[in-house]
């Protein structure tokens, strides 16, 4: 038990650094999504890349909120892409107890 506590204490600074980096990444993605919403980014490949990268953080509610906002915005023009990404999200993050 003591050894486990020591390991956890050693991990604390790494976890804190990771959370700091996630905050920076979230700021970057917030800017990218705003750029898509304003119409400055319209290329399908760029939008899909943003969605793919947002999925990397799909277990974080802040990134998921941004992902949903982007998906709702682009759905009228790219329903198939959004549907595919929703299915991918479900595969990656939702409970698969039925399987």
Protein backbone atom coordinates (compact mmCIF):
# COMPACT_ATOMS: atom_id res chain seq x y z
CA UNK A 1 0.00 0.00 0.00
CA UNK A 2 2.82 2.41 0.83
CA UNK A 3 4.48 1.70 -2.49
CA UNK A 4 1.23 2.50 -4.32
CA UNK A 5 0.94 5.81 -2.47
CA UNK A 6 4.51 6.69 -3.44
CA UNK A 7 3.80 5.92 -7.08
CA UNK A 8 0.69 8.08 -7.00
CA UNK A 9 2.64 10.95 -5.42
CA UNK A 10 5.23 10.66 -8.18
CA UNK A 11 2.47 10.81 -10.80
CA UNK A 12 0.85 13.95 -9.40
CA UNK A 13 3.21 16.43 -11.14
CA UNK A 14 2.87 14.55 -14.42
CA UNK A 15 -0.91 14.60 -14.20
CA UNK A 16 -0.86 18.31 -13.38
CA UNK A 17 1.37 18.99 -16.40
CA UNK A 18 -0.93 16.92 -18.62
CA UNK A 19 -3.95 18.92 -17.46
CA UNK A 20 -2.09 22.17 -18.19
CA UNK A 21 -1.30 20.94 -21.70
CA UNK A 22 -4.93 19.94 -22.24
CA UNK A 23 -5.97 23.48 -21.35
CA UNK A 24 -3.60 24.85 -24.01
CA UNK A 25 -4.88 22.32 -26.54
CA UNK A 26 -8.49 23.22 -25.71
CA UNK A 27 -7.74 26.89 -26.35
CA UNK A 28 -6.21 25.98 -29.71
CA UNK A 29 -9.22 23.86 -30.72
CA UNK A 30 -11.68 26.50 -29.54
CA UNK A 31 -9.99 28.90 -31.92
CA UNK A 32 -10.06 26.38 -34.78
CA UNK A 33 -13.75 25.63 -34.26
CA UNK A 34 -14.52 29.35 -34.19
CA UNK A 35 -12.69 29.67 -37.49
CA UNK A 36 -14.88 26.95 -38.99
CA UNK A 37 -18.03 28.54 -37.58
CA UNK A 38 -17.09 31.90 -39.08
CA UNK A 39 -16.59 30.30 -42.49
CA UNK A 40 -12.85 30.87 -42.69
CA UNK A 41 -12.18 27.13 -42.81
CA UNK A 42 -14.36 25.37 -45.37
CA UNK A 43 -12.19 22.57 -46.74
CA UNK A 44 -13.70 19.21 -45.85
CA UNK A 45 -10.29 17.68 -45.16
CA UNK A 46 -9.40 20.42 -42.67
CA UNK A 47 -12.73 20.12 -40.87
CA UNK A 48 -12.44 16.35 -40.74
CA UNK A 49 -8.92 16.66 -39.33
CA UNK A 50 -10.19 18.97 -36.58
CA UNK A 51 -12.96 16.50 -35.76
CA UNK A 52 -10.51 13.59 -35.68
CA UNK A 53 -8.20 15.44 -33.33
CA UNK A 54 -11.06 16.51 -31.07
CA UNK A 55 -11.98 12.84 -30.77
CA UNK A 56 -8.59 12.21 -29.20
CA UNK A 57 -9.98 14.06 -26.16
CA UNK A 58 -13.55 12.78 -26.41
CA UNK A 59 -13.50 11.60 -22.81
CA UNK A 60 -13.20 15.22 -21.64
CA UNK A 61 -16.54 17.06 -21.43
CA UNK A 62 -14.97 20.37 -22.56
CA UNK A 63 -13.70 18.84 -25.80
CA UNK A 64 -16.94 16.93 -26.29
CA UNK A 65 -18.92 20.17 -26.02
CA UNK A 66 -16.70 21.74 -28.68
CA UNK A 67 -17.05 18.62 -30.84
CA UNK A 68 -20.85 18.79 -30.63
CA UNK A 69 -20.86 22.48 -31.49
CA UNK A 70 -18.77 21.82 -34.60
CA UNK A 71 -20.86 18.80 -35.58
CA UNK A 72 -24.12 20.74 -35.35
CA UNK A 73 -22.68 23.52 -37.47
CA UNK A 74 -21.38 21.34 -40.29
CA UNK A 75 -24.16 18.73 -40.32
CA UNK A 76 -26.31 20.47 -42.96
CA UNK A 77 -23.43 20.38 -45.46
CA UNK A 78 -21.69 17.17 -44.37
CA UNK A 79 -24.24 14.83 -42.75
CA UNK A 80 -22.36 11.67 -43.69
CA UNK A 81 -19.09 12.89 -42.17
CA UNK A 82 -20.84 13.88 -38.93
CA UNK A 83 -22.68 10.56 -38.77
CA UNK A 84 -19.43 8.65 -39.28
CA UNK A 85 -17.73 10.65 -36.53
CA UNK A 86 -20.63 10.11 -34.13
CA UNK A 87 -20.37 6.37 -34.75
CA UNK A 88 -16.63 6.53 -34.20
CA UNK A 89 -17.15 8.42 -30.94
CA UNK A 90 -19.60 5.78 -29.77
CA UNK A 91 -17.16 3.02 -30.62
CA UNK A 92 -14.34 4.72 -28.73
CA UNK A 93 -16.07 6.12 -25.66
CA UNK A 94 -19.47 4.67 -24.98
CA UNK A 95 -19.93 1.59 -22.85
CA UNK A 96 -20.05 -1.57 -24.91
CA UNK A 97 -21.50 -3.83 -22.22
CA UNK A 98 -23.90 -5.38 -24.72
CA UNK A 99 -21.06 -6.78 -26.80
